[in-house]
Amino acid sequence: MGHTLAPKSGKPRSEHSGHAVQLLSPASIVAKTNGRDKICKADIEEVAALYLDAKSSARLLQEQQERYIA
């Protein structure tokens, strides 16, 4: 890829690395859709914007639980 993704938050690098690995396959599709064989940082950022990690999803559900059927 050429770039190393460094954590922007206080989360451990391994947590970020696992999330980044999960984004590689869809980022590859985005790159190919844009006519490239290699993934760039923008591809990963685009895909990351589409997904929430499990902790973020759980927190969002907790914060907005009144909006969902119990």
PDB file of N, CA and C in Angstrom:
ATOM      1  N   MET A   1       0.812  -1.194   0.000  1.00  0.00           N
ATOM      2  CA  MET A   1       0.000   0.000   0.000  1.00  0.00           C
ATOM      3  C   MET A   1       0.854   1.256   0.000  1.00  0.00           C
ATOM      4  N   GLY A   2       1.993   1.217   0.626  1.00  0.00           N
ATOM      5  CA  GLY A   2       2.839   2.390   0.590  1.00  0.00           C
ATOM      6  C   GLY A   2       2.689   3.278   1.808  1.00  0.00           C
ATOM      7  N   HIS A   3       1.549   3.287   2.460  1.00  0.00           N
ATOM      8  CA  HIS A   3       1.330   4.118   3.644  1.00  0.00           C
ATOM      9  C   HIS A   3       1.057   3.224   4.834  1.00  0.00           C
ATOM     10  N   THR A   4       1.546   3.619   5.998  1.00  0.00           N
ATOM     11  CA  THR A   4       1.230   2.910   7.223  1.00  0.00           C
ATOM     12  C   THR A   4       0.114   3.666   7.912  1.00  0.00           C
ATOM     13  N   LEU A   5      -0.938   2.953   8.259  1.00  0.00           N
ATOM     14  CA  LEU A   5      -2.047   3.593   8.945  1.00  0.00           C
ATOM     15  C   LEU A   5      -1.734   3.673  10.430  1.00  0.00           C
ATOM     16  N   ALA A   6      -1.619   4.867  10.934  1.00  0.00           N
ATOM     17  CA  ALA A   6      -1.340   5.064  12.351  1.00  0.00           C
ATOM     18  C   ALA A   6      -2.639   5.421  13.064  1.00  0.00           C
ATOM     19  N   PRO A   7      -2.796   4.947  14.286  1.00  0.00           N
ATOM     20  CA  PRO A   7      -4.008   5.269  15.030  1.00  0.00           C
ATOM     21  C   PRO A   7      -4.132   6.766  15.270  1.00  0.00           C
ATOM     22  N   LYS A   8      -5.348   7.284  15.148  1.00  0.00           N
ATOM     23  CA  LYS A   8      -5.602   8.697  15.422  1.00  0.00           C
ATOM     24  C   LYS A   8      -6.178   8.876  16.819  1.00  0.00           C
ATOM     25  N   SER A   9      -6.603   7.775  17.451  1.00  0.00           N
ATOM     26  CA  SER A   9      -7.176   7.864  18.784  1.00  0.00           C
ATOM     27  C   SER A   9      -6.242   7.188  19.778  1.00  0.00           C
ATOM     28  N   GLY A  10      -6.701   7.018  21.000  1.00  0.00           N
ATOM     29  CA  GLY A  10      -5.911   6.366  22.021  1.00  0.00           C
ATOM     30  C   GLY A  10      -6.045   4.865  22.008  1.00  0.00           C
ATOM     31  N   LYS A  11      -6.696   4.298  21.012  1.00  0.00           N
ATOM     32  CA  LYS A  11      -6.882   2.855  20.954  1.00  0.00           C
ATOM     33  C   LYS A  11      -5.564   2.168  20.631  1.00  0.00           C
ATOM     34  N   PRO A  12      -5.380   0.933  21.145  1.00  0.00           N
ATOM     35  CA  PRO A  12      -4.151   0.198  20.824  1.00  0.00           C
ATOM     36  C   PRO A  12      -4.019  -0.050  19.323  1.00  0.00           C
ATOM     37  N   ARG A  13      -2.797  -0.088  18.825  1.00  0.00           N
ATOM     38  CA  ARG A  13      -2.539  -0.297  17.398  1.00  0.00           C
ATOM     39  C   ARG A  13      -3.182  -1.591  16.908  1.00  0.00           C
ATOM     40  N   SER A  14      -3.169  -2.668  17.721  1.00  0.00           N
ATOM     41  CA  SER A  14      -3.724  -3.946  17.276  1.00  0.00           C
ATOM     42  C   SER A  14      -5.212  -3.835  16.979  1.00  0.00           C
ATOM     43  N   GLU A  15      -5.925  -3.017  17.721  1.00  0.00           N
ATOM     44  CA  GLU A  15      -7.350  -2.814  17.475  1.00  0.00           C
ATOM     45  C   GLU A  15      -7.554  -2.102  16.142  1.00  0.00           C
ATOM     46  N   HIS A  16      -6.728  -1.111  15.859  1.00  0.00           N
ATOM     47  CA  HIS A  16      -6.802  -0.401  14.585  1.00  0.00           C
ATOM     48  C   HIS A  16      -6.385  -1.309  13.443  1.00  0.00           C
ATOM     49  N   SER A  17      -5.335  -2.113  13.656  1.00  0.00           N
ATOM     50  CA  SER A  17      -4.839  -2.997  12.611  1.00  0.00           C
ATOM     51  C   SER A  17      -5.896  -3.999  12.197  1.00  0.00           C
ATOM     52  N   GLY A  18      -6.603  -4.566  13.168  1.00  0.00           N
ATOM     53  CA  GLY A  18      -7.654  -5.526  12.857  1.00  0.00           C
ATOM     54  C   GLY A  18      -8.755  -4.889  12.036  1.00  0.00           C
ATOM     55  N   HIS A  19      -9.125  -3.684  12.401  1.00  0.00           N
ATOM     56  CA  HIS A  19     -10.172  -2.978  11.666  1.00  0.00           C
ATOM     57  C   HIS A  19      -9.696  -2.655  10.248  1.00  0.00           C
ATOM     58  N   ALA A  20      -8.447  -2.239  10.122  1.00  0.00           N
ATOM     59  CA  ALA A  20      -7.901  -1.910   8.800  1.00  0.00           C
ATOM     60  C   ALA A  20      -7.854  -3.144   7.908  1.00  0.00           C
ATOM     61  N   VAL A  21      -7.499  -4.289   8.473  1.00  0.00           N
ATOM     62  CA  VAL A  21      -7.449  -5.521   7.690  1.00  0.00           C
ATOM     63  C   VAL A  21      -8.828  -5.857   7.144  1.00  0.00           C
ATOM     64  N   GLN A  22      -9.867  -5.650   7.946  1.00  0.00           N
ATOM     65  CA  GLN A  22     -11.236  -5.920   7.501  1.00  0.00           C
ATOM     66  C   GLN A  22     -11.645  -5.010   6.352  1.00  0.00           C
ATOM     67  N   LEU A  23     -11.017  -3.874   6.224  1.00  0.00           N
ATOM     68  CA  LEU A  23     -11.368  -2.915   5.179  1.00  0.00           C
ATOM     69  C   LEU A  23     -10.615  -3.144   3.870  1.00  0.00           C
ATOM     70  N   LEU A  24      -9.609  -4.002   3.893  1.00  0.00           N
ATOM     71  CA  LEU A  24      -8.778  -4.183   2.700  1.00  0.00           C
ATOM     72  C   LEU A  24      -9.552  -4.762   1.516  1.00  0.00           C
ATOM     73  N   SER A  25     -10.386  -5.752   1.762  1.00  0.00           N
ATOM     74  CA  SER A  25     -11.135  -6.361   0.654  1.00  0.00           C
ATOM     75  C   SER A  25     -12.085  -5.367  -0.006  1.00  0.00           C
ATOM     76  N   PRO A  26     -12.946  -4.683   0.779  1.00  0.00           N
ATOM     77  CA  PRO A  26     -13.802  -3.690   0.124  1.00  0.00           C
ATOM     78  C   PRO A  26     -13.007  -2.518  -0.473  1.00  0.00           C
ATOM     79  N   ALA A  27     -11.883  -2.156   0.149  1.00  0.00           N
ATOM     80  CA  ALA A  27     -11.053  -1.077  -0.401  1.00  0.00           C
ATOM     81  C   ALA A  27     -10.458  -1.503  -1.737  1.00  0.00           C
ATOM     82  N   SER A  28     -10.139  -2.776  -1.868  1.00  0.00           N
ATOM     83  CA  SER A  28      -9.629  -3.292  -3.139  1.00  0.00           C
ATOM     84  C   SER A  28     -10.681  -3.154  -4.233  1.00  0.00           C
ATOM     85  N   ILE A  29     -11.923  -3.410  -3.893  1.00  0.00           N
ATOM     86  CA  ILE A  29     -13.025  -3.261  -4.852  1.00  0.00           C
ATOM     87  C   ILE A  29     -13.170  -1.803  -5.271  1.00  0.00           C
ATOM     88  N   VAL A  30     -13.071  -0.894  -4.298  1.00  0.00           N
ATOM     89  CA  VAL A  30     -13.160   0.538  -4.600  1.00  0.00           C
ATOM     90  C   VAL A  30     -12.021   0.935  -5.545  1.00  0.00           C
ATOM     91  N   ALA A  31     -10.803   0.462  -5.260  1.00  0.00           N
ATOM     92  CA  ALA A  31      -9.651   0.792  -6.112  1.00  0.00           C
ATOM     93  C   ALA A  31      -9.877   0.291  -7.534  1.00  0.00           C
ATOM     94  N   LYS A  32     -10.329  -0.953  -7.666  1.00  0.00           N
ATOM     95  CA  LYS A  32     -10.559  -1.521  -9.003  1.00  0.00           C
ATOM     96  C   LYS A  32     -11.676  -0.789  -9.734  1.00  0.00           C
ATOM     97  N   THR A  33     -12.705  -0.382  -8.996  1.00  0.00           N
ATOM     98  CA  THR A  33     -13.796   0.398  -9.585  1.00  0.00           C
ATOM     99  C   THR A  33     -13.273   1.727 -10.134  1.00  0.00           C
ATOM    100  N   ASN A  34     -12.246   2.258  -9.472  1.00  0.00           N
ATOM    101  CA  ASN A  34     -11.638   3.518  -9.907  1.00  0.00           C
ATOM    102  C   ASN A  34     -10.490   3.303 -10.882  1.00  0.00           C
ATOM    103  N   GLY A  35     -10.347   2.065 -11.412  1.00  0.00           N
ATOM    104  CA  GLY A  35      -9.362   1.786 -12.442  1.00  0.00           C
ATOM    105  C   GLY A  35      -7.940   1.571 -11.957  1.00  0.00           C
ATOM    106  N   ARG A  36      -7.775   1.245 -10.661  1.00  0.00           N
ATOM    107  CA  ARG A  36      -6.430   1.026 -10.119  1.00  0.00           C
ATOM    108  C   ARG A  36      -6.299  -0.397  -9.592  1.00  0.00           C
ATOM    109  N   ASP A  37      -5.072  -0.928  -9.639  1.00  0.00           N
ATOM    110  CA  ASP A  37      -4.800  -2.254  -9.087  1.00  0.00           C
ATOM    111  C   ASP A  37      -4.344  -2.185  -7.643  1.00  0.00           C
ATOM    112  N   LYS A  38      -3.846  -1.032  -7.223  1.00  0.00           N
ATOM    113  CA  LYS A  38      -3.335  -0.865  -5.858  1.00  0.00           C
ATOM    114  C   LYS A  38      -4.287  -0.009  -5.039  1.00  0.00           C
ATOM    115  N   ILE A  39      -4.395  -0.374  -3.766  1.00  0.00           N
ATOM    116  CA  ILE A  39      -5.233   0.370  -2.825  1.00  0.00           C
ATOM    117  C   ILE A  39      -4.475   1.599  -2.358  1.00  0.00           C
ATOM    118  N   CYS A  40      -5.152   2.731  -2.303  1.00  0.00           N
ATOM    119  CA  CYS A  40      -4.537   3.935  -1.747  1.00  0.00           C
ATOM    120  C   CYS A  40      -5.281   4.326  -0.461  1.00  0.00           C
ATOM    121  N   LYS A  41      -4.725   5.261   0.244  1.00  0.00           N
ATOM    122  CA  LYS A  41      -5.290   5.706   1.518  1.00  0.00           C
ATOM    123  C   LYS A  41      -6.736   6.177   1.341  1.00  0.00           C
ATOM    124  N   ALA A  42      -7.023   6.865   0.254  1.00  0.00           N
ATOM    125  CA  ALA A  42      -8.377   7.374   0.004  1.00  0.00           C
ATOM    126  C   ALA A  42      -9.392   6.239  -0.124  1.00  0.00           C
ATOM    127  N   ASP A  43      -8.964   5.095  -0.685  1.00  0.00           N
ATOM    128  CA  ASP A  43      -9.869   3.944  -0.804  1.00  0.00           C
ATOM    129  C   ASP A  43     -10.261   3.431   0.574  1.00  0.00           C
ATOM    130  N   ILE A  44      -9.281   3.314   1.455  1.00  0.00           N
ATOM    131  CA  ILE A  44      -9.548   2.830   2.803  1.00  0.00           C
ATOM    132  C   ILE A  44     -10.409   3.837   3.559  1.00  0.00           C
ATOM    133  N   GLU A  45     -10.128   5.117   3.395  1.00  0.00           N
ATOM    134  CA  GLU A  45     -10.936   6.145   4.067  1.00  0.00           C
ATOM    135  C   GLU A  45     -12.379   6.118   3.577  1.00  0.00           C
ATOM    136  N   GLU A  46     -12.573   5.901   2.271  1.00  0.00           N
ATOM    137  CA  GLU A  46     -13.926   5.831   1.720  1.00  0.00           C
ATOM    138  C   GLU A  46     -14.692   4.647   2.302  1.00  0.00           C
ATOM    139  N   VAL A  47     -14.038   3.498   2.354  1.00  0.00           N
ATOM    140  CA  VAL A  47     -14.680   2.300   2.884  1.00  0.00           C
ATOM    141  C   VAL A  47     -14.921   2.443   4.394  1.00  0.00           C
ATOM    142  N   ALA A  48     -13.955   3.005   5.109  1.00  0.00           N
ATOM    143  CA  ALA A  48     -14.091   3.162   6.561  1.00  0.00           C
ATOM    144  C   ALA A  48     -15.286   4.039   6.903  1.00  0.00           C
ATOM    145  N   ALA A  49     -15.562   5.011   6.056  1.00  0.00           N
ATOM    146  CA  ALA A  49     -16.702   5.893   6.293  1.00  0.00           C
ATOM    147  C   ALA A  49     -18.034   5.142   6.183  1.00  0.00           C
ATOM    148  N   LEU A  50     -18.016   4.005   5.487  1.00  0.00           N
ATOM    149  CA  LEU A  50     -19.242   3.229   5.299  1.00  0.00           C
ATOM    150  C   LEU A  50     -19.513   2.256   6.443  1.00  0.00           C
ATOM    151  N   TYR A  51     -18.510   1.950   7.219  1.00  0.00           N
ATOM    152  CA  TYR A  51     -18.623   0.937   8.265  1.00  0.00           C
ATOM    153  C   TYR A  51     -18.376   1.513   9.642  1.00  0.00           C
ATOM    154  N   LEU A  52     -19.066   0.983  10.616  1.00  0.00           N
ATOM    155  CA  LEU A  52     -18.777   1.294  12.015  1.00  0.00           C
ATOM    156  C   LEU A  52     -18.226   0.028  12.653  1.00  0.00           C
ATOM    157  N   ASP A  53     -17.224   0.166  13.489  1.00  0.00           N
ATOM    158  CA  ASP A  53     -16.749  -1.029  14.167  1.00  0.00           C
ATOM    159  C   ASP A  53     -17.775  -1.457  15.217  1.00  0.00           C
ATOM    160  N   ALA A  54     -17.640  -2.646  15.739  1.00  0.00           N
ATOM    161  CA  ALA A  54     -18.626  -3.228  16.650  1.00  0.00           C
ATOM    162  C   ALA A  54     -18.846  -2.360  17.889  1.00  0.00           C
ATOM    163  N   LYS A  55     -17.793  -1.807  18.449  1.00  0.00           N
ATOM    164  CA  LYS A  55     -17.943  -0.979  19.648  1.00  0.00           C
ATOM    165  C   LYS A  55     -18.722   0.296  19.340  1.00  0.00           C
ATOM    166  N   SER A  56     -18.428   0.906  18.203  1.00  0.00           N
ATOM    167  CA  SER A  56     -19.152   2.121  17.821  1.00  0.00           C
ATOM    168  C   SER A  56     -20.621   1.814  17.580  1.00  0.00           C
ATOM    169  N   SER A  57     -20.892   0.688  16.926  1.00  0.00           N
ATOM    170  CA  SER A  57     -22.272   0.287  16.664  1.00  0.00           C
ATOM    171  C   SER A  57     -23.020   0.042  17.965  1.00  0.00           C
ATOM    172  N   ALA A  58     -22.388  -0.672  18.899  1.00  0.00           N
ATOM    173  CA  ALA A  58     -23.023  -0.962  20.184  1.00  0.00           C
ATOM    174  C   ALA A  58     -23.289   0.327  20.952  1.00  0.00           C
ATOM    175  N   ARG A  59     -22.329   1.246  20.934  1.00  0.00           N
ATOM    176  CA  ARG A  59     -22.500   2.521  21.640  1.00  0.00           C
ATOM    177  C   ARG A  59     -23.645   3.327  21.010  1.00  0.00           C
ATOM    178  N   LEU A  60     -23.702   3.341  19.687  1.00  0.00           N
ATOM    179  CA  LEU A  60     -24.756   4.063  18.984  1.00  0.00           C
ATOM    180  C   LEU A  60     -26.133   3.471  19.320  1.00  0.00           C
ATOM    181  N   LEU A  61     -26.226   2.149  19.331  1.00  0.00           N
ATOM    182  CA  LEU A  61     -27.498   1.501  19.686  1.00  0.00           C
ATOM    183  C   LEU A  61     -27.901   1.830  21.118  1.00  0.00           C
ATOM    184  N   GLN A  62     -26.929   1.833  22.021  1.00  0.00           N
ATOM    185  CA  GLN A  62     -27.204   2.159  23.425  1.00  0.00           C
ATOM    186  C   GLN A  62     -27.706   3.601  23.551  1.00  0.00           C
ATOM    187  N   GLU A  63     -27.054   4.514  22.874  1.00  0.00           N
ATOM    188  CA  GLU A  63     -27.413   5.931  22.961  1.00  0.00           C
ATOM    189  C   GLU A  63     -28.773   6.223  22.322  1.00  0.00           C
ATOM    190  N   GLN A  64     -29.148   5.433  21.308  1.00  0.00           N
ATOM    191  CA  GLN A  64     -30.382   5.705  20.581  1.00  0.00           C
ATOM    192  C   GLN A  64     -31.405   4.584  20.741  1.00  0.00           C
ATOM    193  N   GLN A  65     -31.340   3.866  21.854  1.00  0.00           N
ATOM    194  CA  GLN A  65     -32.196   2.702  22.043  1.00  0.00           C
ATOM    195  C   GLN A  65     -33.688   3.034  22.002  1.00  0.00           C
ATOM    196  N   GLU A  66     -34.073   4.233  22.352  1.00  0.00           N
ATOM    197  CA  GLU A  66     -35.495   4.601  22.334  1.00  0.00           C
ATOM    198  C   GLU A  66     -36.051   4.656  20.915  1.00  0.00           C
ATOM    199  N   ARG A  67     -35.185   4.710  19.933  1.00  0.00           N
ATOM    200  CA  ARG A  67     -35.624   4.778  18.531  1.00  0.00           C
ATOM    201  C   ARG A  67     -35.881   3.394  17.932  1.00  0.00           C
ATOM    202  N   TYR A  68     -35.547   2.335  18.670  1.00  0.00           N
ATOM    203  CA  TYR A  68     -35.661   0.976  18.150  1.00  0.00           C
ATOM    204  C   TYR A  68     -36.730   0.188  18.896  1.00  0.00           C
ATOM    205  N   ILE A  69     -37.289  -0.805  18.241  1.00  0.00           N
ATOM    206  CA  ILE A  69     -38.289  -1.676  18.853  1.00  0.00           C
ATOM    207  C   ILE A  69     -37.579  -2.629  19.804  1.00  0.00           C
ATOM    208  N   ALA A  70     -38.135  -2.762  20.993  1.00  0.00           N
ATOM    209  CA  ALA A  70     -37.504  -3.636  22.001  1.00  0.00           C
ATOM    210  C   ALA A  70     -38.054  -5.044  21.915  1.00  0.00           C
TER     211      ALA A  70
END
